[in-house]
Amino acid sequence: MKSTEPAKVMQLIARMNVGGPAVLVADLMRNLDRQRFSSVLVTGYCDENESDYLDEVAQDVAAVRIPGLGRSVSLLKDLGAFFVLIKEIRKFKPDVIHTHTAKAGVLGRLAGLMARPQAKRVHTFHGHLLHGYFSSGKTRLVILLEKLFGLITYRFIAIGNVVKNDLVGAGISQDSKFEVIYPGLRDPEKYPQVDARSGLGLDPSKKYLVFVGRLTAIKRPDRLIDLARFLKGMHPECWLLIVGAGELLEPLSDQVEKEELPITFLGWRKDIDMILSASDIAVLCSDNEGIPLTLIQASQAGLPIVSTDVGSVSDIVVNGLTGLLTEVSSKGLIQGVSVLLNDPALGLSFGKAGQERAREFFSSRTMVERHERLYSQSL
């Protein structure tokens, strides 16, 4: 590579389903300094029950699509995707191959080693698979694979401190090979609450709790049902908004209809800023997380947060300062919500502090600059 030419960076992710990794990858594609970096995005296709971020939101981001690179594991399709990856790497000749998500991390790093061994391989852990996904035997296999692929990885990026510490503790690689780069988001549009509620057709007299995320097992949306039962009995002035979709949407909807619970399903939405402006409290109830972008958005909007204490949520939610971290259960979630419902002034204090913290640590510009620095150092 001549010094006057931009460095070539290949962003490689299994699929761009609506969620944190897709948001961050799209932001890197848009905002890397084009005088210094030439980028290409290589990805697969989403499953039928998933929304594709490139189709729904990031229509300005171009991508090379590879069949078989998506979520599902199939020896034949994965092998086909692997050989197409080799072809794309040889065509683009990247200086840095930056992989995201587990499957792309395996196929991308191996294809990079074979097709362009001089390229620096960087892998981002947007979370990890060590808790809540697999049996203990499969988890040990995941750890072994990551240790092996760590030997051909120049640098790991973890999106939160707890995520990094978990991975180092599991022996994936030494601490010095990891860098923590927080996700960064643009500043949201802010609306007066009364205007946001009017625009969404919401009741101005209600107090709204909001959950944003995939309706899938690891997110434990069943705990939202338990929370709604509590609200129905103890706080009839409250209502729960659920933004998102997934394989559990239909059974959850049936349960809500059957019990007449105070929940409205909004599906995937592009007007998240307005929905957050209309809300009073943000909730998250997962069994495992990386560092959820939805909570960064909630903090940017000035909302107090109640969340299970998992993954690197604590990098966003400072317990007792910007929100409440609870035990990983419906009971803990309900107790945390109760505290804020009974003390509105505390919620306002949390929201203000969270907004200041988000401004300091989770800006898009800071995230992009940290990646640019890492890419430059690798070369």
Protein backbone atom coordinates (compact mmCIF):
# COMPACT_ATOMS: atom_id res chain seq x y z
CA MET A 1 0.00 0.00 0.00
CA LYS A 2 1.41 3.40 -0.98
CA SER A 3 1.39 6.00 1.76
CA THR A 4 -0.81 8.30 -0.35
CA GLU A 5 -3.51 5.67 -0.84
CA PRO A 6 -6.32 5.16 1.67
CA ALA A 7 -6.09 1.99 3.72
CA LYS A 8 -8.60 -0.64 2.71
CA VAL A 9 -10.93 -1.90 5.47
CA MET A 10 -13.37 -4.77 4.98
CA GLN A 11 -16.25 -4.84 7.47
CA LEU A 12 -17.59 -8.38 7.67
CA ILE A 13 -20.76 -9.36 9.54
CA ALA A 14 -22.98 -12.44 9.18
CA ARG A 15 -26.18 -10.46 8.73
CA MET A 16 -27.38 -6.89 9.26
CA ASN A 17 -30.52 -7.67 11.26
CA VAL A 18 -32.00 -4.75 13.18
CA GLY A 19 -29.95 -4.49 16.35
CA GLY A 20 -26.82 -3.05 17.91
CA PRO A 21 -24.12 -4.62 15.70
CA ALA A 22 -25.84 -3.50 12.50
CA VAL A 23 -26.21 0.07 13.79
CA LEU A 24 -22.52 0.29 14.69
CA VAL A 25 -21.27 -1.27 11.44
CA ALA A 26 -23.45 1.07 9.37
CA ASP A 27 -22.13 4.03 11.36
CA LEU A 28 -18.54 3.00 10.64
CA MET A 29 -19.32 2.62 6.95
CA ARG A 30 -20.80 6.11 6.82
CA ASN A 31 -18.31 8.01 8.95
CA LEU A 32 -14.77 6.65 8.54
CA ASP A 33 -12.52 9.34 7.07
CA ARG A 34 -12.64 8.58 3.34
CA GLN A 35 -9.33 10.28 2.68
CA ARG A 36 -7.68 7.78 5.00
CA PHE A 37 -9.87 4.67 4.65
CA SER A 38 -11.63 2.90 1.78
CA SER A 39 -14.30 0.55 3.11
CA VAL A 40 -16.47 -2.29 1.88
CA LEU A 41 -19.24 -4.07 3.79
CA VAL A 42 -19.66 -7.81 3.25
CA THR A 43 -22.68 -9.50 4.81
CA GLY A 44 -25.28 -12.23 4.37
CA TYR A 45 -29.07 -12.23 4.42
CA CYS A 46 -31.46 -12.06 7.38
CA ASP A 47 -33.87 -14.84 8.29
CA GLU A 48 -37.51 -14.47 7.27
CA ASN A 49 -38.59 -13.45 10.79
CA GLU A 50 -35.90 -10.74 11.04
CA SER A 51 -35.91 -7.16 9.81
CA ASP A 52 -32.92 -6.19 7.68
CA TYR A 53 -31.33 -2.94 8.88
CA LEU A 54 -29.98 -2.18 5.41
CA ASP A 55 -33.48 -2.38 3.93
CA GLU A 56 -35.37 -0.76 6.81
CA VAL A 57 -33.02 2.04 7.91
CA ALA A 58 -29.53 2.20 6.36
CA GLN A 59 -30.55 2.28 2.71
CA ASP A 60 -27.61 4.59 2.04
CA VAL A 61 -25.08 1.89 2.99
CA ALA A 62 -24.01 -0.39 0.14
CA ALA A 63 -23.06 -4.01 0.78
CA VAL A 64 -21.76 -7.12 -0.93
CA ARG A 65 -24.22 -9.91 -0.11
CA ILE A 66 -23.05 -13.49 0.26
CA PRO A 67 -25.69 -16.27 0.41
CA GLY A 68 -25.14 -18.67 3.28
CA LEU A 69 -23.38 -16.12 5.49
CA GLY A 70 -26.47 -15.49 7.60
CA ARG A 71 -27.51 -16.78 11.00
CA SER A 72 -28.26 -20.43 10.23
CA VAL A 73 -25.47 -22.99 10.44
CA SER A 74 -25.28 -25.38 7.48
CA LEU A 75 -22.05 -27.15 6.57
CA LEU A 76 -22.74 -27.00 2.82
CA LYS A 77 -23.93 -23.37 2.78
CA ASP A 78 -21.19 -22.23 5.17
CA LEU A 79 -18.56 -23.86 2.97
CA GLY A 80 -20.00 -22.11 -0.07
CA ALA A 81 -19.97 -18.77 1.76
CA PHE A 82 -16.37 -19.38 2.82
CA PHE A 83 -15.14 -19.78 -0.77
CA VAL A 84 -17.06 -16.70 -1.92
CA LEU A 85 -15.44 -14.80 0.98
CA ILE A 86 -12.01 -15.83 -0.22
CA LYS A 87 -12.90 -14.51 -3.68
CA GLU A 88 -14.13 -11.16 -2.29
CA ILE A 89 -11.04 -10.73 -0.13
CA ARG A 90 -8.71 -11.38 -3.05
CA LYS A 91 -10.69 -8.90 -5.17
CA PHE A 92 -10.76 -6.07 -2.60
CA LYS A 93 -7.26 -6.71 -1.14
CA PRO A 94 -8.02 -5.28 2.32
CA ASP A 95 -5.34 -4.06 4.70
CA VAL A 96 -7.70 -4.66 7.66
CA ILE A 97 -10.38 -7.33 7.89
CA HIS A 98 -12.75 -6.36 10.70
CA THR A 99 -15.18 -9.14 11.62
CA HIS A 100 -18.33 -8.82 13.72
CA THR A 101 -20.47 -11.58 15.29
CA ALA A 102 -19.40 -15.18 15.92
CA LYS A 103 -20.03 -16.88 12.57
CA ALA A 104 -18.50 -14.08 10.49
CA GLY A 105 -15.59 -14.04 12.93
CA VAL A 106 -14.80 -17.68 12.25
CA LEU A 107 -15.29 -17.68 8.47
CA GLY A 108 -13.84 -14.20 7.94
CA ARG A 109 -10.64 -14.67 9.92
CA LEU A 110 -9.94 -18.06 8.36
CA ALA A 111 -10.70 -16.81 4.83
CA GLY A 112 -8.53 -13.76 5.49
CA LEU A 113 -5.62 -15.92 6.62
CA MET A 114 -5.85 -17.96 3.43
CA ALA A 115 -6.65 -15.22 0.90
CA ARG A 116 -4.62 -12.30 2.28
CA PRO A 117 -2.45 -13.30 5.22
CA GLN A 118 -0.76 -9.88 5.43
CA ALA A 119 -4.09 -8.19 6.29
CA LYS A 120 -4.57 -7.38 9.98
CA ARG A 121 -7.54 -9.27 11.42
CA VAL A 122 -9.64 -7.41 14.00
CA HIS A 123 -12.67 -8.97 15.67
CA THR A 124 -15.38 -7.21 17.70
CA PHE A 125 -17.28 -9.00 20.46
CA HIS A 126 -20.62 -7.18 20.52
CA GLY A 127 -21.44 -9.43 23.45
CA HIS A 128 -20.41 -12.99 24.02
CA LEU A 129 -21.85 -16.49 24.00
CA LEU A 130 -20.52 -17.53 27.41
CA HIS A 131 -23.77 -17.12 29.35
CA GLY A 132 -27.37 -17.99 28.52
CA TYR A 133 -27.00 -19.41 25.03
CA PHE A 134 -25.55 -22.92 25.16
CA SER A 135 -25.07 -25.91 27.42
CA SER A 136 -21.82 -26.07 29.40
CA GLY A 137 -20.33 -28.48 26.84
CA LYS A 138 -21.08 -26.22 23.87
CA THR A 139 -19.85 -23.20 25.81
CA ARG A 140 -16.50 -24.92 26.36
CA LEU A 141 -16.34 -25.60 22.62
CA VAL A 142 -17.05 -21.94 21.85
CA ILE A 143 -14.24 -20.91 24.21
CA LEU A 144 -11.82 -23.37 22.60
CA LEU A 145 -12.65 -22.09 19.10
CA GLU A 146 -12.21 -18.46 20.14
CA LYS A 147 -8.86 -19.29 21.76
CA LEU A 148 -7.67 -20.90 18.52
CA PHE A 149 -8.88 -18.02 16.35
CA GLY A 150 -7.33 -15.60 18.80
CA LEU A 151 -3.96 -16.85 17.58
CA ILE A 152 -4.65 -15.35 14.12
CA THR A 153 -6.30 -12.15 15.41
CA TYR A 154 -4.35 -8.89 15.61
CA ARG A 155 -6.69 -7.19 18.07
CA PHE A 156 -10.00 -7.83 19.81
CA ILE A 157 -12.54 -5.09 20.46
CA ALA A 158 -15.01 -5.48 23.31
CA ILE A 159 -17.90 -3.04 23.49
CA GLY A 160 -17.93 -2.95 27.29
CA ASN A 161 -15.68 -3.58 30.27
CA VAL A 162 -17.63 -6.52 31.71
CA VAL A 163 -17.70 -8.20 28.29
CA LYS A 164 -13.93 -7.79 28.02
CA ASN A 165 -13.31 -9.06 31.56
CA ASP A 166 -15.51 -12.12 30.96
CA LEU A 167 -13.62 -12.98 27.78
CA VAL A 168 -10.19 -12.47 29.34
CA GLY A 169 -11.31 -14.49 32.37
CA ALA A 170 -12.38 -17.34 30.07
CA GLY A 171 -8.89 -17.37 28.57
CA ILE A 172 -9.88 -16.21 25.08
CA SER A 173 -6.73 -14.07 24.97
CA GLN A 174 -4.58 -11.87 27.15
CA ASP A 175 -5.79 -8.48 28.38
CA SER A 176 -3.25 -6.60 26.26
CA LYS A 177 -4.85 -7.86 23.05
CA PHE A 178 -8.24 -6.34 23.93
CA GLU A 179 -9.44 -2.80 23.49
CA VAL A 180 -12.74 -1.50 24.86
CA ILE A 181 -14.54 0.82 22.43
CA TYR A 182 -17.97 1.90 23.58
CA PRO A 183 -20.73 2.10 20.99
CA GLY A 184 -21.49 5.62 19.87
CA LEU A 185 -24.77 7.04 18.63
CA ARG A 186 -25.84 10.29 17.08
CA ASP A 187 -27.74 12.72 19.28
CA PRO A 188 -31.46 11.90 19.04
CA GLU A 189 -34.24 14.22 18.04
CA LYS A 190 -36.03 15.45 21.15
CA TYR A 191 -39.73 16.27 21.32
CA PRO A 192 -41.85 17.77 24.08
CA GLN A 193 -43.56 14.82 25.75
CA VAL A 194 -47.06 16.16 25.10
CA ASP A 195 -46.29 16.55 21.37
CA ALA A 196 -44.70 13.09 21.13
CA ARG A 197 -47.71 11.46 22.76
CA SER A 198 -50.08 13.34 20.52
CA GLY A 199 -48.10 12.29 17.44
CA LEU A 200 -48.21 8.65 18.51
CA GLY A 201 -51.84 8.70 19.58
CA LEU A 202 -51.02 7.94 23.22
CA ASP A 203 -53.04 8.87 26.29
CA PRO A 204 -51.53 12.07 27.78
CA SER A 205 -52.63 11.05 31.30
CA LYS A 206 -50.78 7.71 31.36
CA LYS A 207 -47.28 6.94 32.59
CA TYR A 208 -45.44 4.96 29.91
CA LEU A 209 -42.72 2.37 30.36
CA VAL A 210 -40.85 1.36 27.20
CA PHE A 211 -38.91 -1.71 26.11
CA VAL A 212 -36.96 -1.70 22.84
CA GLY A 213 -35.43 -4.95 21.58
CA ARG A 214 -35.82 -8.26 19.82
CA LEU A 215 -38.55 -10.51 21.15
CA THR A 216 -36.36 -13.56 21.47
CA ALA A 217 -35.54 -15.96 24.30
CA ILE A 218 -32.30 -14.36 25.54
CA LYS A 219 -34.12 -11.02 25.99
CA ARG A 220 -36.68 -12.71 28.30
CA PRO A 221 -39.79 -10.78 27.19
CA ASP A 222 -41.81 -13.11 29.45
CA ARG A 223 -40.63 -10.85 32.27
CA LEU A 224 -42.46 -7.98 30.56
CA ILE A 225 -45.65 -10.01 30.87
CA ASP A 226 -44.99 -10.38 34.61
CA LEU A 227 -44.33 -6.66 34.85
CA ALA A 228 -47.58 -5.87 33.02
CA ARG A 229 -49.54 -8.08 35.42
CA PHE A 230 -48.05 -6.09 38.29
CA LEU A 231 -48.88 -2.76 36.64
CA LYS A 232 -52.44 -3.85 35.95
CA GLY A 233 -53.01 -4.68 39.60
CA MET A 234 -50.97 -2.00 41.38
CA HIS A 235 -50.47 0.89 38.94
CA PRO A 236 -53.42 1.17 36.56
CA GLU A 237 -52.12 4.59 35.48
CA CYS A 238 -49.16 2.85 33.76
CA TRP A 239 -48.82 1.29 30.32
CA LEU A 240 -46.00 -0.68 28.70
CA LEU A 241 -44.84 0.01 25.13
CA ILE A 242 -42.92 -2.80 23.42
CA VAL A 243 -40.89 -1.79 20.37
CA GLY A 244 -39.49 -4.70 18.39
CA ALA A 245 -40.37 -8.05 16.90
CA GLY A 246 -39.12 -11.61 16.76
CA GLU A 247 -40.18 -15.21 17.03
CA LEU A 248 -41.92 -14.65 20.39
CA LEU A 249 -44.15 -11.80 19.19
CA GLU A 250 -47.17 -13.97 18.38
CA PRO A 251 -47.31 -15.97 21.65
CA LEU A 252 -46.73 -12.79 23.65
CA SER A 253 -49.51 -10.98 21.78
CA ASP A 254 -51.86 -13.89 22.45
CA GLN A 255 -51.04 -13.77 26.17
CA VAL A 256 -51.60 -10.01 26.36
CA GLU A 257 -54.95 -10.30 24.59
CA LYS A 258 -56.04 -13.21 26.76
CA GLU A 259 -55.25 -11.42 30.05
CA GLU A 260 -56.09 -7.89 28.83
CA LEU A 261 -52.70 -6.63 29.96
CA PRO A 262 -51.60 -2.97 29.63
CA ILE A 263 -49.19 -3.56 26.74
CA THR A 264 -49.04 -2.14 23.22
CA PHE A 265 -46.84 -3.84 20.63
CA LEU A 266 -45.42 -1.27 18.22
CA GLY A 267 -43.22 -3.53 16.08
CA TRP A 268 -39.97 -2.28 14.58
CA ARG A 269 -40.11 1.48 14.26
CA LYS A 270 -38.08 4.25 12.67
CA ASP A 271 -39.45 6.88 15.07
CA ILE A 272 -37.63 5.61 18.18
CA ASP A 273 -36.71 9.17 19.16
CA MET A 274 -40.37 10.15 19.34
CA ILE A 275 -41.32 6.99 21.25
CA LEU A 276 -38.60 7.63 23.84
CA SER A 277 -39.68 11.27 24.14
CA ALA A 278 -43.20 10.05 24.89
CA SER A 279 -42.03 7.63 27.60
CA ASP A 280 -41.20 7.97 31.30
CA ILE A 281 -39.08 4.90 32.14
CA ALA A 282 -36.99 2.52 30.01
CA VAL A 283 -36.76 -1.16 30.97
CA LEU A 284 -34.60 -4.10 29.92
CA CYS A 285 -34.93 -7.63 31.26
CA SER A 286 -32.40 -9.81 29.41
CA ASP A 287 -30.49 -12.84 30.64
CA ASN A 288 -27.42 -11.66 28.72
CA GLU A 289 -26.36 -8.53 26.85
CA GLY A 290 -23.33 -6.93 25.33
CA ILE A 291 -23.89 -3.23 25.81
CA PRO A 292 -27.42 -2.51 24.55
CA LEU A 293 -27.74 0.49 22.26
CA THR A 294 -31.37 0.86 23.25
CA LEU A 295 -30.28 1.87 26.75
CA ILE A 296 -27.81 4.40 25.32
CA GLN A 297 -30.70 5.87 23.32
CA ALA A 298 -32.85 5.93 26.45
CA SER A 299 -30.11 7.75 28.36
CA GLN A 300 -29.68 10.25 25.53
CA ALA A 301 -33.42 10.90 25.75
CA GLY A 302 -33.15 11.57 29.49
CA LEU A 303 -35.05 8.49 30.66
CA PRO A 304 -34.31 6.69 33.93
CA ILE A 305 -33.54 3.01 33.34
CA VAL A 306 -34.41 -0.20 35.15
CA SER A 307 -32.43 -3.17 33.84
CA THR A 308 -31.22 -6.59 34.85
CA ASP A 309 -27.54 -6.45 35.79
CA VAL A 310 -26.08 -8.44 32.89
CA GLY A 311 -23.21 -8.06 30.42
CA SER A 312 -21.85 -4.54 30.19
CA VAL A 313 -25.17 -2.84 30.99
CA SER A 314 -23.35 -1.35 34.01
CA ASP A 315 -21.19 0.72 31.64
CA ILE A 316 -24.37 2.60 30.72
CA VAL A 317 -26.48 2.30 33.85
CA VAL A 318 -24.58 3.41 36.93
CA ASN A 319 -26.70 1.89 39.68
CA GLY A 320 -28.25 4.57 41.87
CA LEU A 321 -27.00 7.39 39.63
CA THR A 322 -28.50 6.95 36.15
CA GLY A 323 -30.88 4.08 36.86
CA LEU A 324 -31.35 0.85 38.78
CA LEU A 325 -29.67 -2.49 38.14
CA THR A 326 -31.65 -5.46 39.41
CA GLU A 327 -31.23 -9.16 39.96
CA VAL A 328 -31.92 -11.27 36.87
CA SER A 329 -35.59 -12.03 37.53
CA SER A 330 -39.11 -10.68 37.13
CA LYS A 331 -39.16 -9.93 40.85
CA GLY A 332 -36.06 -7.74 40.58
CA LEU A 333 -37.43 -5.88 37.56
CA ILE A 334 -40.74 -5.20 39.31
CA GLN A 335 -38.99 -3.99 42.47
CA GLY A 336 -36.86 -1.56 40.46
CA VAL A 337 -39.85 -0.19 38.55
CA SER A 338 -41.75 0.21 41.83
CA VAL A 339 -38.98 2.39 43.25
CA LEU A 340 -39.21 4.83 40.34
CA LEU A 341 -43.01 4.86 40.21
CA ASN A 342 -43.10 5.75 43.89
CA ASP A 343 -40.40 8.44 43.60
CA PRO A 344 -40.78 10.46 40.37
CA ALA A 345 -38.14 12.98 41.49
CA LEU A 346 -35.56 10.19 41.67
CA GLY A 347 -36.41 9.22 38.11
CA LEU A 348 -35.87 12.78 36.90
CA SER A 349 -32.49 12.85 38.64
CA PHE A 350 -31.48 9.54 37.05
CA GLY A 351 -32.56 10.76 33.62
CA LYS A 352 -30.51 13.94 33.81
CA ALA A 353 -27.39 12.13 35.03
CA GLY A 354 -27.79 9.46 32.33
CA GLN A 355 -28.04 12.11 29.64
CA GLU A 356 -24.76 13.69 30.79
CA ARG A 357 -23.02 10.31 30.89
CA ALA A 358 -24.22 9.40 27.40
CA ARG A 359 -22.95 12.70 26.06
CA GLU A 360 -19.50 12.07 27.56
CA PHE A 361 -18.94 8.39 26.70
CA PHE A 362 -21.26 7.29 23.90
CA SER A 363 -20.97 9.76 21.02
CA SER A 364 -20.71 8.53 17.44
CA ARG A 365 -17.67 10.68 16.72
CA THR A 366 -15.70 9.23 19.63
CA MET A 367 -16.47 5.67 18.54
CA VAL A 368 -15.41 6.29 14.95
CA GLU A 369 -12.19 8.06 16.00
CA ARG A 370 -11.24 5.13 18.26
CA HIS A 371 -11.68 2.71 15.34
CA GLU A 372 -9.68 4.96 13.00
CA ARG A 373 -6.85 5.04 15.55
CA LEU A 374 -6.85 1.25 15.87
CA TYR A 375 -6.82 0.72 12.11
CA SER A 376 -3.95 3.19 11.70
CA GLN A 377 -1.94 1.53 14.49
CA SER A 378 -2.41 -1.87 12.86
CA LEU A 379 -0.75 -0.58 9.69
